[in-house]
Amino acid sequence: MHRMFSALGLIFGLLLTAGLSAGAQVPDDCRISAETLAGIRLMLTAEDSGIFFEIWTHEEIACACIDLYYNDPSDAGFHDRVITGAVVLLGMTEDPRAVPVLIDAIDTHPPQALYALGNFPTVEALNALVAHVCDENPEARENAAEGLRRMPPSPSDAIPDGWQEALAAAIDEVDAWLPHENEADFILYFYDARSNLSELLEAATAGSAGTE
């Protein structure tokens, strides 16, 4: 399998790098080969993404998806599928460099980006989700609720500055929106989100007290 991707990578690498810019908005510490970038792009045109983590590291996948999101030529083959796949896959990498990219992707792929942000317990991800709690786009609103109810706790030894305040503000925002939500399923999602946010706040408060 690795030989197959090496051969394809050489071909697609030449084609892809010819159309890419120098790496706009790609983090300076993202350093992957053109062959790796091309191989990951090729796989993003397929339906099944589970194989990615059997072939490449989380860092390689994250860096490739960031590069592709910002630099894949709009006229490249399967461009829309590649970009959508890159946004979804970024949410699975657990790489903090994905967060600002996913926040940018809310403008282009709101459902996928908002859902993916739910994997990152950071103030920036949380605030981005909260900003769409009352989104007029039902799909975006649904995935904002999904992201909030799925968000994991921040490690007790690495609670970000402003995390507790952001959680408290998120709870207030959900409480303020709930009386206005008219989708039955969404109401359940938001109640689950509120419950999760309360648990996250409780854990963060206990964690902060334990480090004093």
N, C-alpha and C. Protein backbone atom coordinates (compact mmCIF):
# COMPACT_ATOMS: atom_id res chain seq x y z
N MET A 1 0.83 -1.20 0.00
CA MET A 1 0.00 0.00 0.00
C MET A 1 0.87 1.25 0.00
N HIS A 2 1.96 1.22 0.78
CA HIS A 2 2.84 2.39 0.83
C HIS A 2 3.47 2.64 -0.54
N ARG A 3 3.81 1.55 -1.28
CA ARG A 3 4.40 1.72 -2.61
C ARG A 3 3.40 2.38 -3.55
N MET A 4 2.14 1.98 -3.44
CA MET A 4 1.11 2.57 -4.28
C MET A 4 1.02 4.07 -4.05
N PHE A 5 1.02 4.47 -2.76
CA PHE A 5 0.90 5.89 -2.46
C PHE A 5 2.16 6.64 -2.85
N SER A 6 3.32 5.97 -2.80
CA SER A 6 4.56 6.63 -3.21
C SER A 6 4.51 6.95 -4.70
N ALA A 7 4.04 5.99 -5.50
CA ALA A 7 3.97 6.21 -6.93
C ALA A 7 2.94 7.28 -7.28
N LEU A 8 1.76 7.14 -6.67
CA LEU A 8 0.72 8.13 -6.94
C LEU A 8 1.13 9.51 -6.43
N GLY A 9 1.83 9.50 -5.29
CA GLY A 9 2.24 10.77 -4.70
C GLY A 9 3.17 11.54 -5.60
N LEU A 10 4.08 10.83 -6.26
CA LEU A 10 5.01 11.50 -7.16
C LEU A 10 4.27 12.18 -8.31
N ILE A 11 3.24 11.47 -8.82
CA ILE A 11 2.46 12.03 -9.93
C ILE A 11 1.63 13.21 -9.47
N PHE A 12 0.83 12.97 -8.42
CA PHE A 12 -0.08 14.02 -7.96
C PHE A 12 0.69 15.17 -7.31
N GLY A 13 1.85 14.86 -6.74
CA GLY A 13 2.65 15.92 -6.12
C GLY A 13 3.06 16.97 -7.13
N LEU A 14 3.47 16.51 -8.31
CA LEU A 14 3.87 17.44 -9.35
C LEU A 14 2.69 18.28 -9.82
N LEU A 15 1.52 17.62 -9.95
CA LEU A 15 0.33 18.34 -10.39
C LEU A 15 -0.16 19.31 -9.35
N LEU A 16 -0.15 18.87 -8.09
CA LEU A 16 -0.72 19.68 -7.02
C LEU A 16 0.15 20.87 -6.68
N THR A 17 1.44 20.64 -6.53
CA THR A 17 2.31 21.74 -6.12
C THR A 17 2.39 22.81 -7.20
N ALA A 18 2.11 22.44 -8.43
CA ALA A 18 2.11 23.44 -9.49
C ALA A 18 1.00 24.46 -9.29
N GLY A 19 -0.09 24.03 -8.63
CA GLY A 19 -1.22 24.92 -8.44
C GLY A 19 -1.29 25.57 -7.10
N LEU A 20 -0.44 25.16 -6.15
CA LEU A 20 -0.50 25.70 -4.80
C LEU A 20 0.32 26.96 -4.66
N SER A 21 -0.09 27.83 -3.76
CA SER A 21 0.70 29.00 -3.44
C SER A 21 1.79 28.60 -2.46
N ALA A 22 2.52 29.56 -1.95
CA ALA A 22 3.65 29.25 -1.08
C ALA A 22 3.21 28.77 0.29
N GLY A 23 1.95 28.73 0.58
CA GLY A 23 1.48 28.20 1.86
C GLY A 23 0.79 29.24 2.70
N ALA A 24 -0.12 29.99 2.09
CA ALA A 24 -0.82 31.04 2.81
C ALA A 24 -1.55 30.48 4.00
N GLN A 25 -1.31 31.08 5.18
CA GLN A 25 -1.98 30.76 6.42
C GLN A 25 -1.68 29.35 6.94
N VAL A 26 -0.69 28.71 6.37
CA VAL A 26 -0.25 27.41 6.88
C VAL A 26 0.81 27.66 7.95
N PRO A 27 0.68 27.06 9.14
CA PRO A 27 1.66 27.31 10.21
C PRO A 27 3.09 27.03 9.76
N ASP A 28 4.01 27.83 10.25
CA ASP A 28 5.41 27.69 9.87
C ASP A 28 5.99 26.33 10.25
N ASP A 29 5.44 25.72 11.32
CA ASP A 29 6.00 24.45 11.75
C ASP A 29 5.34 23.26 11.06
N CYS A 30 4.50 23.52 10.07
CA CYS A 30 3.94 22.44 9.26
C CYS A 30 4.90 22.16 8.11
N ARG A 31 5.58 21.05 8.20
CA ARG A 31 6.56 20.70 7.16
C ARG A 31 6.30 19.27 6.71
N ILE A 32 5.65 19.13 5.57
CA ILE A 32 5.40 17.81 5.01
C ILE A 32 5.83 17.82 3.55
N SER A 33 6.12 16.66 3.03
CA SER A 33 6.57 16.56 1.65
C SER A 33 5.41 16.73 0.68
N ALA A 34 5.74 17.11 -0.54
CA ALA A 34 4.72 17.22 -1.59
C ALA A 34 4.08 15.86 -1.83
N GLU A 35 4.85 14.81 -1.67
CA GLU A 35 4.33 13.46 -1.86
C GLU A 35 3.26 13.12 -0.82
N THR A 36 3.54 13.49 0.45
CA THR A 36 2.56 13.25 1.51
C THR A 36 1.31 14.08 1.29
N LEU A 37 1.49 15.33 0.93
CA LEU A 37 0.36 16.22 0.66
C LEU A 37 -0.51 15.65 -0.46
N ALA A 38 0.13 15.19 -1.51
CA ALA A 38 -0.61 14.67 -2.64
C ALA A 38 -1.32 13.36 -2.29
N GLY A 39 -0.66 12.53 -1.50
CA GLY A 39 -1.28 11.26 -1.10
C GLY A 39 -2.52 11.48 -0.25
N ILE A 40 -2.44 12.43 0.68
CA ILE A 40 -3.60 12.73 1.53
C ILE A 40 -4.70 13.37 0.70
N ARG A 41 -4.33 14.23 -0.23
CA ARG A 41 -5.36 14.82 -1.09
C ARG A 41 -6.08 13.75 -1.90
N LEU A 42 -5.32 12.81 -2.42
CA LEU A 42 -5.92 11.74 -3.20
C LEU A 42 -6.92 10.95 -2.37
N MET A 43 -6.56 10.65 -1.13
CA MET A 43 -7.45 9.88 -0.27
C MET A 43 -8.71 10.67 0.09
N LEU A 44 -8.61 11.99 0.11
CA LEU A 44 -9.77 12.82 0.43
C LEU A 44 -10.82 12.79 -0.68
N THR A 45 -10.46 12.30 -1.85
CA THR A 45 -11.45 12.16 -2.91
C THR A 45 -12.25 10.88 -2.74
N ALA A 46 -11.84 10.01 -1.82
CA ALA A 46 -12.55 8.75 -1.58
C ALA A 46 -13.59 8.96 -0.49
N GLU A 47 -14.44 7.98 -0.29
CA GLU A 47 -15.50 8.09 0.70
C GLU A 47 -15.04 7.75 2.11
N ASP A 48 -14.16 6.75 2.23
CA ASP A 48 -13.75 6.25 3.54
C ASP A 48 -12.50 6.98 4.02
N SER A 49 -12.58 7.61 5.20
CA SER A 49 -11.43 8.35 5.74
C SER A 49 -10.73 7.59 6.86
N GLY A 50 -11.25 6.43 7.22
CA GLY A 50 -10.69 5.71 8.36
C GLY A 50 -9.27 5.27 8.16
N ILE A 51 -8.86 5.09 6.91
CA ILE A 51 -7.54 4.57 6.62
C ILE A 51 -6.43 5.61 6.84
N PHE A 52 -6.78 6.88 6.89
CA PHE A 52 -5.77 7.93 7.00
C PHE A 52 -4.80 7.67 8.15
N PHE A 53 -5.35 7.37 9.31
CA PHE A 53 -4.52 7.27 10.51
C PHE A 53 -3.74 5.97 10.55
N GLU A 54 -3.94 5.10 9.57
CA GLU A 54 -3.12 3.91 9.45
C GLU A 54 -1.90 4.16 8.57
N ILE A 55 -1.94 5.25 7.83
CA ILE A 55 -0.87 5.54 6.87
C ILE A 55 -0.01 6.72 7.31
N TRP A 56 -0.67 7.78 7.80
CA TRP A 56 0.04 9.00 8.15
C TRP A 56 -0.14 9.34 9.62
N THR A 57 0.74 10.19 10.15
CA THR A 57 0.63 10.63 11.54
C THR A 57 -0.44 11.71 11.64
N HIS A 58 -0.89 11.95 12.88
CA HIS A 58 -1.87 13.02 13.10
C HIS A 58 -1.31 14.36 12.61
N GLU A 59 -0.03 14.59 12.85
CA GLU A 59 0.57 15.86 12.45
C GLU A 59 0.60 16.00 10.93
N GLU A 60 0.97 14.93 10.23
CA GLU A 60 0.99 14.99 8.77
C GLU A 60 -0.40 15.27 8.22
N ILE A 61 -1.39 14.61 8.79
CA ILE A 61 -2.76 14.79 8.33
C ILE A 61 -3.22 16.22 8.59
N ALA A 62 -2.96 16.71 9.80
CA ALA A 62 -3.37 18.07 10.15
C ALA A 62 -2.73 19.09 9.23
N CYS A 63 -1.43 18.98 9.03
CA CYS A 63 -0.72 19.95 8.19
C CYS A 63 -1.19 19.88 6.74
N ALA A 64 -1.42 18.67 6.25
CA ALA A 64 -1.90 18.54 4.87
C ALA A 64 -3.29 19.14 4.71
N CYS A 65 -4.17 18.88 5.66
CA CYS A 65 -5.54 19.39 5.57
C CYS A 65 -5.57 20.91 5.68
N ILE A 66 -4.70 21.47 6.52
CA ILE A 66 -4.61 22.94 6.61
C ILE A 66 -4.16 23.52 5.28
N ASP A 67 -3.10 22.92 4.73
CA ASP A 67 -2.58 23.39 3.44
C ASP A 67 -3.64 23.29 2.36
N LEU A 68 -4.31 22.16 2.31
CA LEU A 68 -5.33 21.97 1.27
C LEU A 68 -6.50 22.93 1.44
N TYR A 69 -6.91 23.16 2.68
CA TYR A 69 -8.04 24.06 2.90
C TYR A 69 -7.74 25.45 2.33
N TYR A 70 -6.54 25.94 2.56
CA TYR A 70 -6.21 27.30 2.13
C TYR A 70 -5.71 27.38 0.69
N ASN A 71 -5.11 26.30 0.20
CA ASN A 71 -4.36 26.41 -1.05
C ASN A 71 -4.78 25.50 -2.19
N ASP A 72 -5.71 24.58 -1.97
CA ASP A 72 -6.10 23.71 -3.07
C ASP A 72 -6.77 24.54 -4.17
N PRO A 73 -6.31 24.44 -5.40
CA PRO A 73 -6.90 25.26 -6.48
C PRO A 73 -8.38 24.97 -6.65
N SER A 74 -9.16 26.00 -6.81
CA SER A 74 -10.61 25.83 -6.92
C SER A 74 -11.02 25.05 -8.15
N ASP A 75 -10.14 25.01 -9.15
CA ASP A 75 -10.48 24.26 -10.37
C ASP A 75 -9.85 22.87 -10.38
N ALA A 76 -9.26 22.47 -9.25
CA ALA A 76 -8.67 21.13 -9.18
C ALA A 76 -9.76 20.08 -9.14
N GLY A 77 -9.46 18.89 -9.60
CA GLY A 77 -10.43 17.81 -9.60
C GLY A 77 -10.91 17.47 -8.20
N PHE A 78 -12.22 17.27 -8.04
CA PHE A 78 -12.82 16.90 -6.76
C PHE A 78 -12.57 17.94 -5.67
N HIS A 79 -12.37 19.20 -6.06
CA HIS A 79 -12.01 20.24 -5.09
C HIS A 79 -12.99 20.33 -3.93
N ASP A 80 -14.27 20.37 -4.22
CA ASP A 80 -15.27 20.53 -3.16
C ASP A 80 -15.22 19.36 -2.18
N ARG A 81 -15.08 18.15 -2.71
CA ARG A 81 -15.02 16.98 -1.84
C ARG A 81 -13.75 17.01 -1.00
N VAL A 82 -12.65 17.43 -1.60
CA VAL A 82 -11.37 17.50 -0.88
C VAL A 82 -11.46 18.48 0.28
N ILE A 83 -12.01 19.67 0.03
CA ILE A 83 -12.07 20.68 1.08
C ILE A 83 -13.02 20.26 2.19
N THR A 84 -14.16 19.71 1.83
CA THR A 84 -15.08 19.23 2.86
C THR A 84 -14.44 18.12 3.68
N GLY A 85 -13.77 17.19 3.02
CA GLY A 85 -13.08 16.12 3.73
C GLY A 85 -11.97 16.63 4.62
N ALA A 86 -11.26 17.66 4.16
CA ALA A 86 -10.18 18.23 4.96
C ALA A 86 -10.71 18.84 6.25
N VAL A 87 -11.84 19.54 6.15
CA VAL A 87 -12.44 20.15 7.34
C VAL A 87 -12.86 19.07 8.34
N VAL A 88 -13.53 18.03 7.84
CA VAL A 88 -13.97 16.94 8.71
C VAL A 88 -12.78 16.25 9.36
N LEU A 89 -11.77 15.97 8.56
CA LEU A 89 -10.60 15.24 9.06
C LEU A 89 -9.81 16.06 10.08
N LEU A 90 -9.76 17.37 9.90
CA LEU A 90 -9.07 18.23 10.87
C LEU A 90 -9.65 18.05 12.26
N GLY A 91 -10.95 17.86 12.33
CA GLY A 91 -11.59 17.68 13.62
C GLY A 91 -11.20 16.40 14.31
N MET A 92 -10.62 15.46 13.58
CA MET A 92 -10.24 14.18 14.14
C MET A 92 -8.77 14.12 14.54
N THR A 93 -8.01 15.15 14.22
CA THR A 93 -6.56 15.11 14.44
C THR A 93 -6.14 15.43 15.86
N GLU A 94 -7.00 16.14 16.61
CA GLU A 94 -6.66 16.61 17.95
C GLU A 94 -5.48 17.57 17.95
N ASP A 95 -5.18 18.14 16.81
CA ASP A 95 -4.07 19.08 16.67
C ASP A 95 -4.59 20.49 16.93
N PRO A 96 -4.06 21.21 17.92
CA PRO A 96 -4.57 22.55 18.24
C PRO A 96 -4.45 23.54 17.09
N ARG A 97 -3.56 23.27 16.15
CA ARG A 97 -3.42 24.16 15.00
C ARG A 97 -4.65 24.11 14.10
N ALA A 98 -5.49 23.11 14.31
CA ALA A 98 -6.71 22.99 13.50
C ALA A 98 -7.76 24.02 13.89
N VAL A 99 -7.73 24.49 15.13
CA VAL A 99 -8.81 25.35 15.63
C VAL A 99 -9.00 26.63 14.81
N PRO A 100 -7.95 27.43 14.58
CA PRO A 100 -8.19 28.66 13.79
C PRO A 100 -8.64 28.35 12.36
N VAL A 101 -8.21 27.23 11.82
CA VAL A 101 -8.64 26.85 10.46
C VAL A 101 -10.12 26.51 10.46
N LEU A 102 -10.54 25.74 11.46
CA LEU A 102 -11.95 25.36 11.56
C LEU A 102 -12.83 26.59 11.81
N ILE A 103 -12.31 27.55 12.54
CA ILE A 103 -13.07 28.79 12.75
C ILE A 103 -13.23 29.53 11.42
N ASP A 104 -12.16 29.57 10.62
CA ASP A 104 -12.27 30.15 9.28
C ASP A 104 -13.28 29.38 8.43
N ALA A 105 -13.26 28.04 8.61
CA ALA A 105 -14.11 27.18 7.78
C ALA A 105 -15.60 27.30 8.11
N ILE A 106 -15.93 27.96 9.22
CA ILE A 106 -17.35 28.19 9.52
C ILE A 106 -17.99 29.01 8.40
N ASP A 107 -17.21 29.88 7.78
CA ASP A 107 -17.74 30.72 6.70
C ASP A 107 -18.02 29.91 5.43
N THR A 108 -17.28 28.82 5.24
CA THR A 108 -17.42 28.06 3.99
C THR A 108 -18.11 26.71 4.19
N HIS A 109 -17.90 26.09 5.34
CA HIS A 109 -18.47 24.76 5.63
C HIS A 109 -19.00 24.75 7.06
N PRO A 110 -20.03 25.56 7.35
CA PRO A 110 -20.47 25.71 8.74
C PRO A 110 -20.85 24.43 9.47
N PRO A 111 -21.63 23.53 8.88
CA PRO A 111 -22.00 22.33 9.65
C PRO A 111 -20.79 21.49 10.04
N GLN A 112 -19.91 21.24 9.06
CA GLN A 112 -18.74 20.40 9.32
C GLN A 112 -17.77 21.06 10.30
N ALA A 113 -17.55 22.36 10.12
CA ALA A 113 -16.59 23.06 10.97
C ALA A 113 -17.08 23.15 12.41
N LEU A 114 -18.36 23.47 12.58
CA LEU A 114 -18.90 23.59 13.93
C LEU A 114 -18.89 22.24 14.65
N TYR A 115 -19.27 21.20 13.95
CA TYR A 115 -19.24 19.87 14.55
C TYR A 115 -17.81 19.51 14.96
N ALA A 116 -16.84 19.78 14.07
CA ALA A 116 -15.44 19.44 14.34
C ALA A 116 -14.88 20.23 15.52
N LEU A 117 -15.29 21.47 15.67
CA LEU A 117 -14.79 22.29 16.78
C LEU A 117 -15.16 21.70 18.13
N GLY A 118 -16.20 20.88 18.16
CA GLY A 118 -16.59 20.23 19.41
C GLY A 118 -15.56 19.27 19.96
N ASN A 119 -14.52 18.97 19.17
CA ASN A 119 -13.46 18.07 19.64
C ASN A 119 -12.34 18.80 20.37
N PHE A 120 -12.41 20.14 20.41
CA PHE A 120 -11.30 20.92 20.93
C PHE A 120 -11.73 21.76 22.14
N PRO A 121 -11.32 21.38 23.35
CA PRO A 121 -11.70 22.15 24.54
C PRO A 121 -10.82 23.38 24.72
N THR A 122 -11.01 24.37 23.85
CA THR A 122 -10.27 25.62 23.95
C THR A 122 -11.27 26.77 24.01
N VAL A 123 -10.83 27.89 24.54
CA VAL A 123 -11.70 29.07 24.63
C VAL A 123 -12.13 29.51 23.24
N GLU A 124 -11.20 29.46 22.28
CA GLU A 124 -11.50 29.92 20.93
C GLU A 124 -12.57 29.03 20.28
N ALA A 125 -12.43 27.72 20.42
CA ALA A 125 -13.41 26.80 19.85
C ALA A 125 -14.77 26.98 20.52
N LEU A 126 -14.75 27.11 21.83
CA LEU A 126 -15.99 27.28 22.58
C LEU A 126 -16.71 28.56 22.17
N ASN A 127 -15.97 29.65 22.09
CA ASN A 127 -16.59 30.92 21.71
C ASN A 127 -17.16 30.89 20.29
N ALA A 128 -16.45 30.18 19.40
CA ALA A 128 -16.92 30.07 18.02
C ALA A 128 -18.23 29.31 17.95
N LEU A 129 -18.35 28.27 18.76
CA LEU A 129 -19.59 27.49 18.80
C LEU A 129 -20.73 28.32 19.39
N VAL A 130 -20.44 29.02 20.47
CA VAL A 130 -21.46 29.82 21.14
C VAL A 130 -22.00 30.91 20.22
N ALA A 131 -21.14 31.43 19.37
CA ALA A 131 -21.56 32.50 18.45
C ALA A 131 -22.63 32.03 17.47
N HIS A 132 -22.81 30.70 17.36
CA HIS A 132 -23.78 30.18 16.39
C HIS A 132 -24.93 29.44 17.07
N VAL A 133 -25.07 29.63 18.37
CA VAL A 133 -26.18 29.01 19.10
C VAL A 133 -27.53 29.46 18.55
N CYS A 134 -27.63 30.71 18.15
CA CYS A 134 -28.90 31.22 17.61
C CYS A 134 -28.80 31.52 16.12
N ASP A 135 -27.96 30.76 15.42
CA ASP A 135 -27.76 30.96 13.98
C ASP A 135 -29.08 30.76 13.23
N GLU A 136 -29.33 31.60 12.24
CA GLU A 136 -30.54 31.47 11.44
C GLU A 136 -30.52 30.22 10.56
N ASN A 137 -29.32 29.74 10.28
CA ASN A 137 -29.16 28.51 9.50
C ASN A 137 -29.39 27.31 10.42
N PRO A 138 -30.48 26.56 10.26
CA PRO A 138 -30.78 25.46 11.18
C PRO A 138 -29.66 24.42 11.26
N GLU A 139 -29.03 24.14 10.12
CA GLU A 139 -27.97 23.13 10.12
C GLU A 139 -26.76 23.60 10.93
N ALA A 140 -26.44 24.89 10.81
CA ALA A 140 -25.34 25.44 11.59
C ALA A 140 -25.69 25.45 13.07
N ARG A 141 -26.92 25.83 13.38
CA ARG A 141 -27.36 25.87 14.79
C ARG A 141 -27.33 24.46 15.39
N GLU A 142 -27.79 23.50 14.64
CA GLU A 142 -27.79 22.11 15.12
C GLU A 142 -26.38 21.65 15.43
N ASN A 143 -25.44 21.96 14.54
CA ASN A 143 -24.07 21.49 14.74
C ASN A 143 -23.33 22.29 15.80
N ALA A 144 -23.76 23.54 16.04
CA ALA A 144 -23.22 24.28 17.17
C ALA A 144 -23.63 23.59 18.47
N ALA A 145 -24.89 23.17 18.54
CA ALA A 145 -25.37 22.43 19.72
C ALA A 145 -24.65 21.10 19.85
N GLU A 146 -24.46 20.43 18.73
CA GLU A 146 -23.74 19.15 18.75
C GLU A 146 -22.31 19.34 19.26
N GLY A 147 -21.66 20.39 18.76
CA GLY A 147 -20.29 20.64 19.20
C GLY A 147 -20.21 20.91 20.69
N LEU A 148 -21.17 21.67 21.20
CA LEU A 148 -21.17 22.01 22.63
C LEU A 148 -21.47 20.79 23.49
N ARG A 149 -22.33 19.92 23.03
CA ARG A 149 -22.67 18.77 23.87
C ARG A 149 -21.62 17.67 23.78
N ARG A 150 -20.74 17.74 22.78
CA ARG A 150 -19.69 16.74 22.62
C ARG A 150 -18.34 17.20 23.16
N MET A 151 -18.19 18.48 23.45
CA MET A 151 -16.88 19.01 23.82
C MET A 151 -16.33 18.30 25.06
N PRO A 152 -15.09 17.81 24.98
CA PRO A 152 -14.50 17.10 26.12
C PRO A 152 -13.95 18.08 27.15
N PRO A 153 -13.66 17.60 28.35
CA PRO A 153 -13.08 18.48 29.36
C PRO A 153 -11.64 18.86 29.02
N SER A 154 -11.25 20.03 29.45
CA SER A 154 -9.85 20.43 29.32
C SER A 154 -9.05 19.72 30.40
N PRO A 155 -7.83 19.25 30.08
CA PRO A 155 -7.02 18.59 31.10
C PRO A 155 -6.87 19.46 32.35
N SER A 156 -7.01 18.85 33.52
CA SER A 156 -6.99 19.63 34.76
C SER A 156 -5.66 20.34 34.98
N ASP A 157 -4.59 19.82 34.36
CA ASP A 157 -3.28 20.45 34.53
C ASP A 157 -2.98 21.45 33.42
N ALA A 158 -3.95 21.67 32.53
CA ALA A 158 -3.72 22.60 31.43
C ALA A 158 -4.99 23.37 31.09
N ILE A 159 -5.66 23.87 32.12
CA ILE A 159 -6.89 24.63 31.90
C ILE A 159 -6.54 25.98 31.28
N PRO A 160 -7.08 26.29 30.10
CA PRO A 160 -6.71 27.54 29.44
C PRO A 160 -7.21 28.77 30.20
N ASP A 161 -6.49 29.85 30.05
CA ASP A 161 -6.92 31.11 30.65
C ASP A 161 -8.29 31.49 30.09
N GLY A 162 -9.20 31.86 30.98
CA GLY A 162 -10.51 32.29 30.55
C GLY A 162 -11.48 31.16 30.28
N TRP A 163 -11.07 29.92 30.53
CA TRP A 163 -11.92 28.75 30.23
C TRP A 163 -13.20 28.76 31.06
N GLN A 164 -13.07 28.99 32.36
CA GLN A 164 -14.26 28.98 33.21
C GLN A 164 -15.22 30.11 32.85
N GLU A 165 -14.66 31.27 32.58
CA GLU A 165 -15.51 32.40 32.20
C GLU A 165 -16.23 32.13 30.87
N ALA A 166 -15.51 31.50 29.93
CA ALA A 166 -16.12 31.18 28.63
C ALA A 166 -17.22 30.14 28.79
N LEU A 167 -17.02 29.18 29.68
CA LEU A 167 -18.05 28.17 29.93
C LEU A 167 -19.29 28.79 30.56
N ALA A 168 -19.08 29.67 31.53
CA ALA A 168 -20.22 30.34 32.17
C ALA A 168 -21.00 31.17 31.16
N ALA A 169 -20.28 31.87 30.28
CA ALA A 169 -20.94 32.68 29.25
C ALA A 169 -21.69 31.79 28.27
N ALA A 170 -21.12 30.62 27.96
CA ALA A 170 -21.78 29.68 27.05
C ALA A 170 -23.08 29.16 27.65
N ILE A 171 -23.07 28.86 28.93
CA ILE A 171 -24.28 28.39 29.61
C ILE A 171 -25.36 29.47 29.55
N ASP A 172 -24.95 30.71 29.80
CA ASP A 172 -25.91 31.82 29.74
C ASP A 172 -26.51 31.96 28.35
N GLU A 173 -25.66 31.78 27.32
CA GLU A 173 -26.13 31.93 25.94
C GLU A 173 -27.12 30.82 25.57
N VAL A 174 -26.83 29.61 25.99
CA VAL A 174 -27.74 28.49 25.72
C VAL A 174 -29.06 28.70 26.46
N ASP A 175 -28.97 29.13 27.72
CA ASP A 175 -30.19 29.39 28.50
C ASP A 175 -31.05 30.47 27.84
N ALA A 176 -30.40 31.50 27.32
CA ALA A 176 -31.13 32.59 26.69
C ALA A 176 -31.80 32.15 25.39
N TRP A 177 -31.18 31.21 24.69
CA TRP A 177 -31.72 30.79 23.40
C TRP A 177 -32.82 29.73 23.54
N LEU A 178 -32.71 28.85 24.52
CA LEU A 178 -33.63 27.71 24.62
C LEU A 178 -35.11 28.07 24.49
N PRO A 179 -35.59 29.14 25.12
CA PRO A 179 -37.03 29.46 24.98
C PRO A 179 -37.44 29.81 23.55
N HIS A 180 -36.45 30.11 22.70
CA HIS A 180 -36.76 30.53 21.34
C HIS A 180 -36.58 29.40 20.32
N GLU A 181 -35.99 28.29 20.76
CA GLU A 181 -35.76 27.18 19.83
C GLU A 181 -37.08 26.47 19.52
N ASN A 182 -37.36 26.30 18.23
CA ASN A 182 -38.63 25.69 17.84
C ASN A 182 -38.49 24.31 17.19
N GLU A 183 -37.24 23.80 17.13
CA GLU A 183 -37.02 22.46 16.61
C GLU A 183 -36.90 21.50 17.79
N ALA A 184 -37.81 20.51 17.83
CA ALA A 184 -37.85 19.60 18.98
C ALA A 184 -36.52 18.90 19.21
N ASP A 185 -35.91 18.41 18.14
CA ASP A 185 -34.63 17.70 18.28
C ASP A 185 -33.55 18.65 18.79
N PHE A 186 -33.56 19.87 18.28
CA PHE A 186 -32.54 20.83 18.68
C PHE A 186 -32.67 21.18 20.16
N ILE A 187 -33.90 21.23 20.64
CA ILE A 187 -34.11 21.52 22.06
C ILE A 187 -33.40 20.48 22.92
N LEU A 188 -33.53 19.23 22.53
CA LEU A 188 -32.85 18.15 23.26
C LEU A 188 -31.34 18.32 23.17
N TYR A 189 -30.85 18.68 21.98
CA TYR A 189 -29.41 18.87 21.82
C TYR A 189 -28.91 19.99 22.72
N PHE A 190 -29.67 21.07 22.78
CA PHE A 190 -29.24 22.20 23.60
C PHE A 190 -29.31 21.89 25.09
N TYR A 191 -30.29 21.09 25.50
CA TYR A 191 -30.32 20.67 26.90
C TYR A 191 -29.10 19.79 27.22
N ASP A 192 -28.76 18.90 26.28
CA ASP A 192 -27.56 18.08 26.46
C ASP A 192 -26.31 18.96 26.49
N ALA A 193 -26.30 19.98 25.62
CA ALA A 193 -25.16 20.90 25.59
C ALA A 193 -25.02 21.63 26.91
N ARG A 194 -26.15 22.11 27.43
CA ARG A 194 -26.10 22.83 28.71
C ARG A 194 -25.59 21.92 29.81
N SER A 195 -26.05 20.67 29.82
CA SER A 195 -25.61 19.72 30.83
C SER A 195 -24.10 19.48 30.72
N ASN A 196 -23.62 19.33 29.50
CA ASN A 196 -22.19 19.11 29.30
C ASN A 196 -21.38 20.32 29.73
N LEU A 197 -21.86 21.51 29.35
CA LEU A 197 -21.15 22.74 29.73
C LEU A 197 -21.09 22.89 31.25
N SER A 198 -22.16 22.54 31.93
CA SER A 198 -22.17 22.62 33.39
C SER A 198 -21.16 21.64 34.00
N GLU A 199 -21.08 20.45 33.42
CA GLU A 199 -20.12 19.46 33.91
C GLU A 199 -18.69 19.93 33.65
N LEU A 200 -18.48 20.52 32.47
CA LEU A 200 -17.14 21.04 32.15
C LEU A 200 -16.75 22.16 33.12
N LEU A 201 -17.71 23.04 33.43
CA LEU A 201 -17.43 24.13 34.36
C LEU A 201 -17.13 23.58 35.75
N GLU A 202 -17.89 22.61 36.18
CA GLU A 202 -17.67 22.00 37.49
C GLU A 202 -16.29 21.36 37.56
N ALA A 203 -15.92 20.63 36.52
CA ALA A 203 -14.60 19.98 36.47
C ALA A 203 -13.48 21.00 36.45
N ALA A 204 -13.67 22.07 35.66
CA ALA A 204 -12.64 23.11 35.58
C ALA A 204 -12.47 23.83 36.91
N THR A 205 -13.58 24.08 37.58
CA THR A 205 -13.53 24.75 38.88
C THR A 205 -12.81 23.87 39.89
N ALA A 206 -13.14 22.58 39.88
CA ALA A 206 -12.46 21.64 40.80
C ALA A 206 -10.99 21.53 40.46
N GLY A 207 -10.68 21.51 39.17
CA GLY A 207 -9.29 21.41 38.75
C GLY A 207 -8.48 22.63 39.16
N SER A 208 -9.09 23.81 39.02
CA SER A 208 -8.40 25.04 39.42
C SER A 208 -8.17 25.08 40.92
N ALA A 209 -9.16 24.61 41.68
CA ALA A 209 -9.01 24.59 43.14
C ALA A 209 -7.92 23.63 43.55
N GLY A 210 -7.77 22.54 42.78
CA GLY A 210 -6.76 21.55 43.13
C GLY A 210 -5.34 21.99 42.84
N THR A 211 -5.19 23.00 42.00
CA THR A 211 -3.84 23.47 41.65
C THR A 211 -3.41 24.66 42.50
N GLU A 212 -4.31 25.16 43.34
CA GLU A 212 -3.96 26.32 44.16
C GLU A 212 -3.14 25.91 45.38
